[in-house]
Each structure stands twice: as C-alpha cells, then as structure tokens.
Amino acid sequence: MAKEGKRFRSQLYEYDYSTGTIRLKNKVCPRCGSVMAFHRWPKPRWHCGKCNYTIFVSEAKKA
C-alpha cells in the first residue's frame, strides 16, 4: 500500500467562499481537542496520536 504523500494545510480545511466560512475536514478528539487521523487499514478507525483515543468505524453489512 503506497502512501499518498504529504498533506498540505490547505487540504485539511473546506472553504465556503459564498458564506465566508472555514471548516475542518477531520474530526476533533473528544478527550484532548487535537485533530484526529483516519486510518483505513487494518480496520477503519479515527485515531488521536496525542492521547491514543481511538474510534472504530462500524462497517454497514451488505444484504
């Protein structure tokens, strides 16, 4: 699995120029307030590197 490369600061935010708002794309850690990273492998999860808080993403079962 190849890495996507370095993410620039402009890729971490969504800009809405019509309303003039800026929104963070990633989640914020409920425990310490840092920005969380999303990992796809081996199981999809959100992880905080500062306090090691992890939220596992439940995958919807296909019928």
N, C-alpha and C. Protein backbone atom coordinates (compact mmCIF):
# COMPACT_ATOMS: atom_id res chain seq x y z
N MET A 1 0.85 -1.16 0.00
CA MET A 1 0.00 0.00 0.00
C MET A 1 0.90 1.24 0.00
N ALA A 2 0.75 2.08 -0.98
CA ALA A 2 1.58 3.27 -1.12
C ALA A 2 0.97 4.44 -0.36
N LYS A 3 1.85 5.28 0.18
CA LYS A 3 1.37 6.47 0.88
C LYS A 3 0.98 7.53 -0.14
N GLU A 4 0.01 8.36 0.25
CA GLU A 4 -0.47 9.40 -0.65
C GLU A 4 0.50 10.57 -0.74
N GLY A 5 1.36 10.70 0.22
CA GLY A 5 2.30 11.81 0.22
C GLY A 5 1.95 12.82 1.29
N LYS A 6 2.65 13.91 1.29
CA LYS A 6 2.46 14.93 2.30
C LYS A 6 1.18 15.72 2.05
N ARG A 7 0.39 15.93 3.11
CA ARG A 7 -0.84 16.73 3.00
C ARG A 7 -0.52 18.16 3.40
N PHE A 8 -0.94 19.06 2.58
CA PHE A 8 -0.71 20.47 2.87
C PHE A 8 -1.83 21.01 3.74
N ARG A 9 -1.60 22.09 4.40
CA ARG A 9 -2.57 22.67 5.31
C ARG A 9 -3.87 23.03 4.58
N SER A 10 -3.78 23.40 3.32
CA SER A 10 -4.97 23.76 2.56
C SER A 10 -5.86 22.54 2.29
N GLN A 11 -5.33 21.33 2.40
CA GLN A 11 -6.12 20.13 2.18
C GLN A 11 -6.84 19.67 3.45
N LEU A 12 -6.56 20.27 4.59
CA LEU A 12 -7.19 19.89 5.85
C LEU A 12 -8.49 20.64 6.11
N TYR A 13 -8.76 21.67 5.33
CA TYR A 13 -9.94 22.51 5.56
C TYR A 13 -10.81 22.59 4.32
N GLU A 14 -12.11 22.81 4.54
CA GLU A 14 -13.05 23.07 3.45
C GLU A 14 -13.42 24.54 3.51
N TYR A 15 -13.34 25.20 2.38
CA TYR A 15 -13.65 26.62 2.29
C TYR A 15 -14.99 26.82 1.60
N ASP A 16 -15.83 27.66 2.16
CA ASP A 16 -17.09 28.03 1.52
C ASP A 16 -17.01 29.53 1.26
N TYR A 17 -16.67 29.88 0.04
CA TYR A 17 -16.43 31.28 -0.29
C TYR A 17 -17.71 32.10 -0.35
N SER A 18 -18.85 31.45 -0.59
CA SER A 18 -20.10 32.20 -0.66
C SER A 18 -20.53 32.72 0.71
N THR A 19 -20.28 31.91 1.77
CA THR A 19 -20.66 32.35 3.12
C THR A 19 -19.46 32.85 3.92
N GLY A 20 -18.26 32.57 3.44
CA GLY A 20 -17.05 33.02 4.13
C GLY A 20 -16.71 32.18 5.35
N THR A 21 -17.02 30.87 5.32
CA THR A 21 -16.73 30.01 6.45
C THR A 21 -15.64 29.01 6.10
N ILE A 22 -14.91 28.59 7.13
CA ILE A 22 -13.87 27.60 7.01
C ILE A 22 -14.20 26.48 7.98
N ARG A 23 -14.13 25.20 7.50
CA ARG A 23 -14.48 24.07 8.34
C ARG A 23 -13.39 23.01 8.24
N LEU A 24 -13.04 22.41 9.38
CA LEU A 24 -12.04 21.35 9.42
C LEU A 24 -12.62 20.06 8.86
N LYS A 25 -11.89 19.35 8.00
CA LYS A 25 -12.38 18.12 7.40
C LYS A 25 -12.33 16.95 8.38
N ASN A 26 -11.29 16.85 9.17
CA ASN A 26 -11.14 15.74 10.11
C ASN A 26 -11.90 16.00 11.40
N LYS A 27 -12.07 14.92 12.18
CA LYS A 27 -12.74 15.03 13.48
C LYS A 27 -11.79 15.62 14.51
N VAL A 28 -12.38 16.15 15.58
CA VAL A 28 -11.61 16.66 16.71
C VAL A 28 -11.76 15.66 17.85
N CYS A 29 -10.68 15.37 18.54
CA CYS A 29 -10.68 14.40 19.63
C CYS A 29 -11.55 14.90 20.78
N PRO A 30 -12.50 14.07 21.25
CA PRO A 30 -13.35 14.50 22.36
C PRO A 30 -12.61 14.53 23.69
N ARG A 31 -11.48 13.83 23.78
CA ARG A 31 -10.75 13.76 25.04
C ARG A 31 -9.78 14.94 25.22
N CYS A 32 -8.98 15.24 24.17
CA CYS A 32 -7.95 16.27 24.34
C CYS A 32 -8.11 17.47 23.41
N GLY A 33 -8.95 17.37 22.37
CA GLY A 33 -9.19 18.50 21.48
C GLY A 33 -8.26 18.60 20.29
N SER A 34 -7.38 17.62 20.08
CA SER A 34 -6.49 17.63 18.92
C SER A 34 -7.21 17.10 17.69
N VAL A 35 -6.60 17.27 16.53
CA VAL A 35 -7.17 16.78 15.28
C VAL A 35 -6.86 15.29 15.17
N MET A 36 -7.88 14.49 14.82
CA MET A 36 -7.72 13.04 14.71
C MET A 36 -7.39 12.65 13.27
N ALA A 37 -6.70 11.52 13.11
CA ALA A 37 -6.34 10.99 11.79
C ALA A 37 -7.23 9.80 11.48
N PHE A 38 -7.56 9.63 10.19
CA PHE A 38 -8.36 8.48 9.76
C PHE A 38 -7.44 7.45 9.15
N HIS A 39 -7.53 6.20 9.64
CA HIS A 39 -6.74 5.09 9.12
C HIS A 39 -7.67 4.05 8.52
N ARG A 40 -7.35 3.55 7.34
CA ARG A 40 -8.20 2.58 6.65
C ARG A 40 -7.78 1.14 6.91
N TRP A 41 -6.51 0.92 7.24
CA TRP A 41 -6.02 -0.43 7.37
C TRP A 41 -5.43 -0.66 8.74
N PRO A 42 -5.56 -1.75 9.44
CA PRO A 42 -6.28 -2.96 9.09
C PRO A 42 -7.79 -2.85 9.30
N LYS A 43 -8.24 -1.97 10.19
CA LYS A 43 -9.67 -1.72 10.36
C LYS A 43 -9.88 -0.21 10.29
N PRO A 44 -10.96 0.23 9.65
CA PRO A 44 -11.22 1.67 9.57
C PRO A 44 -11.43 2.26 10.96
N ARG A 45 -10.71 3.36 11.25
CA ARG A 45 -10.79 3.96 12.58
C ARG A 45 -10.29 5.39 12.55
N TRP A 46 -10.73 6.17 13.53
CA TRP A 46 -10.22 7.51 13.79
C TRP A 46 -9.30 7.38 15.00
N HIS A 47 -8.11 7.98 14.92
CA HIS A 47 -7.14 7.84 16.00
C HIS A 47 -6.50 9.18 16.32
N CYS A 48 -6.38 9.44 17.62
CA CYS A 48 -5.68 10.65 18.09
C CYS A 48 -4.27 10.24 18.48
N GLY A 49 -3.27 10.83 17.88
CA GLY A 49 -1.89 10.50 18.16
C GLY A 49 -1.38 11.11 19.45
N LYS A 50 -2.10 12.07 19.98
CA LYS A 50 -1.66 12.75 21.19
C LYS A 50 -2.03 11.97 22.45
N CYS A 51 -3.30 11.54 22.54
CA CYS A 51 -3.76 10.84 23.75
C CYS A 51 -4.13 9.39 23.49
N ASN A 52 -3.94 8.88 22.27
CA ASN A 52 -4.22 7.50 21.87
C ASN A 52 -5.69 7.11 21.98
N TYR A 53 -6.59 8.05 21.83
CA TYR A 53 -8.02 7.77 21.80
C TYR A 53 -8.38 7.25 20.41
N THR A 54 -9.15 6.15 20.34
CA THR A 54 -9.49 5.53 19.06
C THR A 54 -10.98 5.31 18.96
N ILE A 55 -11.56 5.64 17.80
CA ILE A 55 -12.95 5.38 17.49
C ILE A 55 -12.97 4.45 16.28
N PHE A 56 -13.49 3.23 16.46
CA PHE A 56 -13.59 2.29 15.35
C PHE A 56 -14.85 2.56 14.56
N VAL A 57 -14.73 2.55 13.23
CA VAL A 57 -15.85 2.81 12.35
C VAL A 57 -16.53 1.48 12.06
N SER A 58 -17.82 1.40 12.37
CA SER A 58 -18.55 0.17 12.09
C SER A 58 -18.98 0.17 10.63
N GLU A 59 -18.66 -0.91 9.95
CA GLU A 59 -19.00 -1.04 8.54
C GLU A 59 -20.41 -1.59 8.42
N ALA A 60 -21.20 -1.00 7.53
CA ALA A 60 -22.56 -1.47 7.32
C ALA A 60 -22.53 -2.82 6.61
N LYS A 61 -23.34 -3.76 7.10
CA LYS A 61 -23.39 -5.08 6.49
C LYS A 61 -24.23 -5.04 5.24
N LYS A 62 -23.73 -5.66 4.18
CA LYS A 62 -24.45 -5.68 2.91
C LYS A 62 -25.35 -6.91 2.89
N ALA A 63 -26.59 -6.71 2.46
CA ALA A 63 -27.55 -7.82 2.41
C ALA A 63 -27.52 -8.50 1.07
